[in-house]
Protein backbone atom coordinates (compact mmCIF):
# COMPACT_ATOMS: atom_id res chain seq x y z
CA UNK A 1 10.99 -3.69 14.44
CA UNK A 2 10.73 -1.64 10.79
CA UNK A 3 13.84 -2.73 8.39
CA UNK A 4 15.65 0.14 6.60
CA UNK A 5 15.36 0.39 3.39
CA UNK A 6 16.88 3.08 0.81
CA UNK A 7 14.10 4.16 -1.92
CA UNK A 8 15.20 4.09 -6.26
CA UNK A 9 16.49 6.58 -7.49
CA UNK A 10 13.69 7.95 -10.48
CA UNK A 11 14.62 10.45 -12.83
CA UNK A 12 13.11 11.61 -16.32
CA UNK A 13 15.04 13.71 -19.35
CA UNK A 14 11.38 15.43 -20.00
CA UNK A 15 11.89 19.71 -19.31
CA UNK A 16 11.37 20.89 -16.01
CA UNK A 17 9.23 23.68 -15.29
CA UNK A 18 7.42 25.84 -13.05
CA UNK A 19 4.82 28.39 -13.43
CA UNK A 20 5.55 32.53 -12.11
CA UNK A 21 2.12 31.86 -9.93
CA UNK A 22 3.31 28.61 -8.13
CA UNK A 23 3.65 30.91 -4.77
CA UNK A 24 0.60 32.61 -4.63
CA UNK A 25 -1.88 29.96 -6.20
CA UNK A 26 -0.52 27.77 -3.37
CA UNK A 27 -1.23 30.74 -0.40
CA UNK A 28 -4.90 31.13 -2.13
CA UNK A 29 -5.52 27.15 -2.56
CA UNK A 30 -4.46 27.07 1.28
CA UNK A 31 -6.83 29.85 1.82
CA UNK A 32 -9.70 28.03 -0.28
CA UNK A 33 -9.44 24.90 1.60
CA UNK A 34 -9.22 26.32 4.98
CA UNK A 35 -12.07 28.78 4.39
CA UNK A 36 -14.61 26.32 3.13
CA UNK A 37 -13.33 23.42 6.03
CA UNK A 38 -12.26 20.91 4.75
CA UNK A 39 -9.10 20.81 6.61
CA UNK A 40 -8.30 22.28 10.13
CA UNK A 41 -6.47 25.99 9.95
CA UNK A 42 -5.23 24.69 13.57
CA UNK A 43 -2.77 22.77 14.71
CA UNK A 44 -0.86 20.08 13.11
CA UNK A 45 -3.68 20.32 9.79
CA UNK A 46 -1.97 24.04 9.30
CA UNK A 47 1.60 22.67 9.20
CA UNK A 48 0.42 19.85 7.09
CA UNK A 49 -0.95 21.71 4.38
CA UNK A 50 1.69 24.26 4.31
CA UNK A 51 4.33 22.09 3.57
CA UNK A 52 2.51 20.11 0.88
CA UNK A 53 3.31 22.95 -1.43
CA UNK A 54 -0.10 22.27 -3.44
CA UNK A 55 0.60 25.22 -5.78
CA UNK A 56 3.83 23.71 -6.25
CA UNK A 57 2.03 21.04 -7.51
CA UNK A 58 0.16 22.57 -9.97
CA UNK A 59 2.42 24.92 -10.68
CA UNK A 60 5.12 22.24 -12.05
CA UNK A 61 2.29 19.80 -13.46
CA UNK A 62 0.81 23.03 -16.07
CA UNK A 63 3.66 25.30 -15.79
CA UNK A 64 1.60 26.88 -19.01
CA UNK A 65 -1.88 27.47 -17.70
CA UNK A 66 -3.38 30.97 -17.10
CA UNK A 67 -3.75 31.99 -13.08
CA UNK A 68 -7.56 31.24 -13.21
CA UNK A 69 -6.82 27.63 -14.32
CA UNK A 70 -3.83 27.47 -12.45
CA UNK A 71 -5.84 27.80 -9.16
CA UNK A 72 -8.97 25.67 -10.22
CA UNK A 73 -6.15 22.50 -10.68
CA UNK A 74 -4.54 23.92 -7.28
CA UNK A 75 -8.05 24.01 -5.15
CA UNK A 76 -9.07 20.14 -6.77
CA UNK A 77 -6.05 18.65 -5.77
CA UNK A 78 -6.16 20.31 -2.09
CA UNK A 79 -9.71 18.65 -2.40
CA UNK A 80 -8.27 15.33 -3.38
CA UNK A 81 -5.62 15.78 -0.45
CA UNK A 82 -8.04 16.69 2.23
CA UNK A 83 -10.40 14.13 1.01
CA UNK A 84 -8.06 11.20 1.16
CA UNK A 85 -7.07 12.43 4.74
CA UNK A 86 -10.55 12.78 5.69
CA UNK A 87 -11.85 9.62 4.15
CA UNK A 88 -9.31 6.92 2.87
CA UNK A 89 -6.10 5.43 4.01
CA UNK A 90 -5.48 7.14 7.21
CA UNK A 91 -8.81 7.37 8.60
CA UNK A 92 -11.67 4.81 9.75
CA UNK A 93 -13.56 5.29 7.08
CA UNK A 94 -11.60 3.78 4.39
CA UNK A 95 -11.83 0.38 6.34
CA UNK A 96 -15.59 1.00 6.22
CA UNK A 97 -17.05 0.34 2.87
CA UNK A 98 -20.41 1.18 3.38
CA UNK A 99 -19.83 4.38 4.88
CA UNK A 100 -17.55 5.67 2.05
CA UNK A 101 -20.12 4.22 -0.27
CA UNK A 102 -22.87 7.19 1.01
CA UNK A 103 -20.15 9.52 1.36
CA UNK A 104 -19.26 8.88 -2.20
CA UNK A 105 -23.37 8.95 -3.76
CA UNK A 106 -23.73 12.18 -2.21
CA UNK A 107 -20.24 14.04 -3.83
CA UNK A 108 -20.63 12.42 -7.44
CA UNK A 109 -24.78 13.86 -7.27
CA UNK A 110 -23.12 16.65 -6.41
CA UNK A 111 -20.28 16.81 -10.10
CA UNK A 112 -22.91 15.09 -12.18
CA UNK A 113 -26.45 17.04 -11.36
CA UNK A 114 -25.27 20.43 -9.51
CA UNK A 115 -27.65 22.46 -7.75
CA UNK A 116 -29.64 19.48 -7.08
CA UNK A 117 -28.60 17.58 -3.69
CA UNK A 118 -28.93 19.28 -0.69
CA UNK A 119 -25.33 19.16 0.78
CA UNK A 120 -25.94 19.85 4.25
CA UNK A 121 -23.31 21.85 5.62
CA UNK A 122 -20.70 19.37 4.36
CA UNK A 123 -18.23 21.34 3.76
CA UNK A 124 -16.42 18.89 1.17
CA UNK A 125 -19.68 18.95 -0.60
CA UNK A 126 -19.99 22.66 -0.40
CA UNK A 127 -16.42 22.71 -1.78
CA UNK A 128 -16.82 20.38 -4.53
CA UNK A 129 -20.34 22.44 -5.77
CA UNK A 130 -17.61 25.13 -6.02
CA UNK A 131 -15.37 23.58 -7.61
CA UNK A 132 -17.91 22.37 -10.55
CA UNK A 133 -19.51 25.56 -11.01
CA UNK A 134 -16.08 26.93 -11.87
CA UNK A 135 -15.06 24.33 -14.03
CA UNK A 136 -18.89 24.50 -15.91
CA UNK A 137 -17.81 28.34 -15.98
CA UNK A 138 -14.68 27.21 -17.93
CA UNK A 139 -15.47 24.39 -19.73
CA UNK A 140 -17.44 22.67 -22.47
CA UNK A 141 -19.93 20.34 -21.87
CA UNK A 142 -17.30 17.61 -23.54
CA UNK A 143 -14.53 18.83 -20.62
CA UNK A 144 -17.02 18.86 -18.02
CA UNK A 145 -17.96 14.88 -19.44
CA UNK A 146 -14.91 14.12 -20.05
CA UNK A 147 -13.79 15.24 -15.92
CA UNK A 148 -16.72 13.73 -13.88
CA UNK A 149 -16.05 10.38 -15.70
CA UNK A 150 -12.47 10.89 -14.89
CA UNK A 151 -13.80 11.70 -11.12
CA UNK A 152 -16.38 8.36 -10.95
CA UNK A 153 -13.46 6.73 -11.29
CA UNK A 154 -11.62 8.33 -8.79
CA UNK A 155 -14.70 7.26 -6.65
CA UNK A 156 -15.50 3.92 -7.52
CA UNK A 157 -11.56 3.46 -6.50
CA UNK A 158 -11.58 4.43 -3.40
CA UNK A 159 -14.75 2.12 -2.59
CA UNK A 160 -12.88 -0.82 -4.32
CA UNK A 161 -9.59 0.21 -2.11
CA UNK A 162 -12.12 0.45 1.43
CA UNK A 163 -13.23 -3.01 1.03
CA UNK A 164 -9.89 -4.20 0.61
CA UNK A 165 -9.24 -3.03 3.66
CA UNK A 166 -12.11 -4.01 5.03
CA UNK A 167 -12.53 -7.57 3.74
CA UNK A 168 -8.25 -7.59 4.68
CA UNK A 169 -8.01 -8.43 0.83
CA UNK A 170 -4.66 -7.48 -0.53
CA UNK A 171 -5.15 -7.41 -4.64
CA UNK A 172 -2.99 -9.03 -7.36
CA UNK A 173 -0.61 -7.17 -8.91
CA UNK A 174 -2.80 -6.81 -12.27
CA UNK A 175 -6.03 -6.07 -10.78
CA UNK A 176 -4.27 -3.34 -8.17
CA UNK A 177 -2.25 -1.51 -11.79
CA UNK A 178 -5.38 -1.29 -13.11
CA UNK A 179 -7.00 0.76 -10.33
CA UNK A 180 -4.41 2.38 -9.26
CA UNK A 181 -4.82 4.85 -12.13
CA UNK A 182 -8.11 5.62 -11.48
CA UNK A 183 -7.41 5.69 -7.22
CA UNK A 184 -4.63 8.02 -7.78
CA UNK A 185 -6.56 10.57 -9.31
CA UNK A 186 -3.81 12.05 -12.16
CA UNK A 187 -6.93 11.15 -14.74
CA UNK A 188 -9.04 13.86 -12.92
CA UNK A 189 -6.40 16.12 -13.66
CA UNK A 190 -5.23 14.88 -16.76
CA UNK A 191 -8.70 15.56 -17.78
CA UNK A 192 -8.59 19.49 -17.37
CA UNK A 193 -5.58 20.02 -18.82
CA UNK A 194 -7.03 21.84 -21.63
CA UNK A 195 -9.38 23.90 -19.47
CA UNK A 196 -6.86 25.14 -17.10
CA UNK A 197 -4.58 25.94 -20.04
CA UNK A 198 -6.94 27.71 -22.29
CA UNK A 199 -7.48 25.60 -25.36
CA UNK A 200 -9.41 23.00 -26.70
CA UNK A 201 -8.60 19.61 -27.20
CA UNK A 202 -11.13 17.88 -29.11
CA UNK A 203 -12.61 15.22 -28.41
CA UNK A 204 -11.72 12.46 -30.73
CA UNK A 205 -7.81 13.29 -30.58
CA UNK A 206 -8.56 13.05 -26.56
CA UNK A 207 -10.40 9.68 -27.22
CA UNK A 208 -8.02 8.26 -29.82
CA UNK A 209 -6.82 4.94 -28.37
CA UNK A 210 -2.87 6.08 -29.16
CA UNK A 211 -3.72 8.84 -27.28
CA UNK A 212 -5.54 7.40 -24.25
CA UNK A 213 -3.13 4.58 -24.26
CA UNK A 214 -0.11 7.65 -23.45
CA UNK A 215 -2.59 9.38 -20.98
CA UNK A 216 -2.67 5.79 -19.25
CA UNK A 217 0.98 5.18 -19.11
CA UNK A 218 1.91 8.77 -17.53
CA UNK A 219 -0.41 7.83 -15.30
CA UNK A 220 1.04 4.71 -14.37
CA UNK A 221 4.33 6.55 -13.99
CA UNK A 222 3.31 9.16 -12.11
CA UNK A 223 1.79 7.12 -9.59
CA UNK A 224 4.20 4.32 -9.49
CA UNK A 225 6.43 6.76 -8.46
CA UNK A 226 4.30 8.19 -5.92
CA UNK A 227 4.44 4.31 -4.61
CA UNK A 228 7.83 4.95 -4.51
CA UNK A 229 8.30 7.85 -2.63
CA UNK A 230 5.26 7.75 -0.65
CA UNK A 231 6.34 4.40 0.82
CA UNK A 232 7.97 5.98 3.95
CA UNK A 233 4.98 7.78 4.71
CA UNK A 234 2.19 5.47 3.97
CA UNK A 235 4.53 2.70 5.97
CA UNK A 236 4.25 5.01 9.04
CA UNK A 237 0.54 6.72 8.90
CA UNK A 238 -1.51 4.17 7.00
CA UNK A 239 -4.25 1.90 8.77
CA UNK A 240 -3.27 -0.89 6.32
CA UNK A 241 -0.78 -0.04 2.70
CA UNK A 242 -2.29 0.11 -0.91
CA UNK A 243 1.17 0.32 -2.40
CA UNK A 244 3.04 -1.43 -5.50
CA UNK A 245 5.85 -2.30 -3.54
CA UNK A 246 3.51 -3.88 -0.97
CA UNK A 247 1.21 -5.75 -3.41
CA UNK A 248 4.62 -7.38 -5.09
CA UNK A 249 6.06 -7.85 -1.67
CA UNK A 250 2.99 -10.27 -0.98
CA UNK A 251 2.22 -12.09 -4.42
CA UNK A 252 6.34 -12.44 -5.17
CA UNK A 253 7.34 -13.56 -1.36
CA UNK A 254 10.10 -10.74 -1.51
CA UNK A 255 11.54 -8.21 1.06
CA UNK A 256 10.97 -4.53 1.36
CA UNK A 257 14.39 -2.98 -0.26
CA UNK A 258 13.80 -5.32 -3.26
CA UNK A 259 10.03 -4.84 -4.19
CA UNK A 260 10.62 -0.85 -4.41
CA UNK A 261 13.40 -1.77 -6.68
CA UNK A 262 11.22 -3.69 -9.40
CA UNK A 263 8.88 -1.28 -8.93
CA UNK A 264 11.45 0.83 -9.94
CA UNK A 265 12.21 -1.12 -12.97
CA UNK A 266 8.72 -1.21 -14.17
CA UNK A 267 8.39 2.15 -13.95
CA UNK A 268 11.34 3.35 -15.89
CA UNK A 269 10.29 0.31 -18.57
CA UNK A 270 6.93 2.75 -18.84
CA UNK A 271 8.94 5.87 -19.70
CA UNK A 272 11.19 4.18 -21.89
CA UNK A 273 7.77 2.68 -23.80
CA UNK A 274 6.60 5.98 -23.43
CA UNK A 275 8.62 7.87 -25.22
CA UNK A 276 8.78 5.20 -28.21
CA UNK A 277 4.77 5.33 -28.34
CA UNK A 278 4.99 9.14 -28.21
CA UNK A 279 7.36 10.00 -31.13
CA UNK A 280 4.30 8.00 -33.85
CA UNK A 281 1.72 10.16 -32.44
CA UNK A 282 2.83 13.64 -31.99
CA UNK A 283 4.45 12.90 -36.11
CA UNK A 284 0.92 14.19 -37.37
CA UNK A 285 -0.79 15.23 -33.93
CA UNK A 286 -2.43 19.15 -34.08
CA UNK A 287 -0.82 21.78 -32.29
CA UNK A 288 -3.72 21.42 -29.46
CA UNK A 289 -2.70 18.01 -28.94
CA UNK A 290 1.11 18.57 -29.36
CA UNK A 291 0.33 20.87 -26.42
CA UNK A 292 -1.52 18.32 -24.62
CA UNK A 293 1.33 16.32 -24.85
CA UNK A 294 3.98 18.57 -23.82
CA UNK A 295 1.58 18.67 -20.59
CA UNK A 296 1.80 14.62 -20.41
CA UNK A 297 5.75 15.55 -19.90
CA UNK A 298 5.37 18.38 -17.43
CA UNK A 299 3.00 16.38 -15.50
CA UNK A 300 5.20 12.91 -14.97
CA UNK A 301 8.45 15.40 -14.27
CA UNK A 302 6.41 18.08 -12.76
CA UNK A 303 4.81 15.27 -10.01
CA UNK A 304 8.39 14.09 -9.81
CA UNK A 305 10.29 16.71 -8.58
CA UNK A 306 7.14 17.89 -6.75
CA UNK A 307 7.08 14.68 -4.82
CA UNK A 308 11.07 15.25 -3.79
CA UNK A 309 9.97 19.07 -2.51
CA UNK A 310 7.09 18.33 -0.27
CA UNK A 311 6.65 17.64 3.12
CA UNK A 312 3.58 15.25 2.59
CA UNK A 313 5.52 12.47 2.14
CA UNK A 314 7.78 12.27 4.88
CA UNK A 315 6.65 10.11 7.68
CA UNK A 316 5.70 11.18 11.05
CA UNK A 317 8.18 8.49 12.26
CA UNK A 318 10.81 7.40 10.15
CA UNK A 319 9.97 3.92 11.84
CA UNK A 320 13.81 2.33 9.71
CA UNK A 321 13.47 4.36 7.46
CA UNK A 322 16.49 6.12 5.74
CA UNK A 323 14.82 9.81 5.18
CA UNK A 324 14.06 9.81 1.11
CA UNK A 325 14.88 13.17 0.50
CA UNK A 326 17.91 12.65 1.50
CA UNK A 327 19.34 8.96 0.43
CA UNK A 328 18.76 6.62 -2.67
CA UNK A 329 20.08 3.38 -3.98
CA UNK A 330 21.99 4.60 -7.69
CA UNK A 331 20.78 1.46 -9.13
């Protein structure tokens, strides 16, 4: 019988904001996903995607983007959520790396060589091709290459997770932390910050090791927060939980509650480190880099605020877990 745990309280001093277009974008992205058939408009899928509030995720993490830029982000995030549900931890395919690799190869071809691959009526492939067309119309070749690189890392991480499930192989903490950055898909969204925001961050600044380190830290923070806040859903719905609290619990031989608290402590130290290192980068940053760093903060804070309001991370069956939107440990 599952034991009860209380999720650690997380918070940031970063500014919170939300786009005034979030609600209408949320409705349009729901219609976009259902029209392409990447989720079912009827039954439980309809309710689940309504409750996910993807438009609000985009609106909180990129509050200064144009309506078109915000729609692009929301539609991409909708594709990611639907793909995760259909192919990854809640799906039998997520335990069959050979099947997932075939899908990944097909979808990677769609974004690397648009128009060169037969989609065969695959709704995910068709929707991805449409997204790729929009990105190429809005982005420079360098920005497109940045996005494709991030998506390739995401696809690789999904195959890695599927292999782990197939072999019943729990990863070590260091391996998990590295691969979680890719598997969480946050870098794919960060690569679109300036595309959606209507500005161009120079390749030299985006690729500066100090900026890349901050991007990695912001990704860690968002992913570790997600591992905590999605823990009830993962434990109740996933076929095999791939999560930092579980990895820590197994490697250190500690219980669920202590493991969640340790992940929260890691998260807090990463936030402190991010703030410390960001200051020196901002000191001589261009206006475009200032904007990018502002949006990294919006991403961390917006992801947390959205995680507390979405229904996506509510378990279908509480299974001994207390409602994470109501009760937290105070730490």
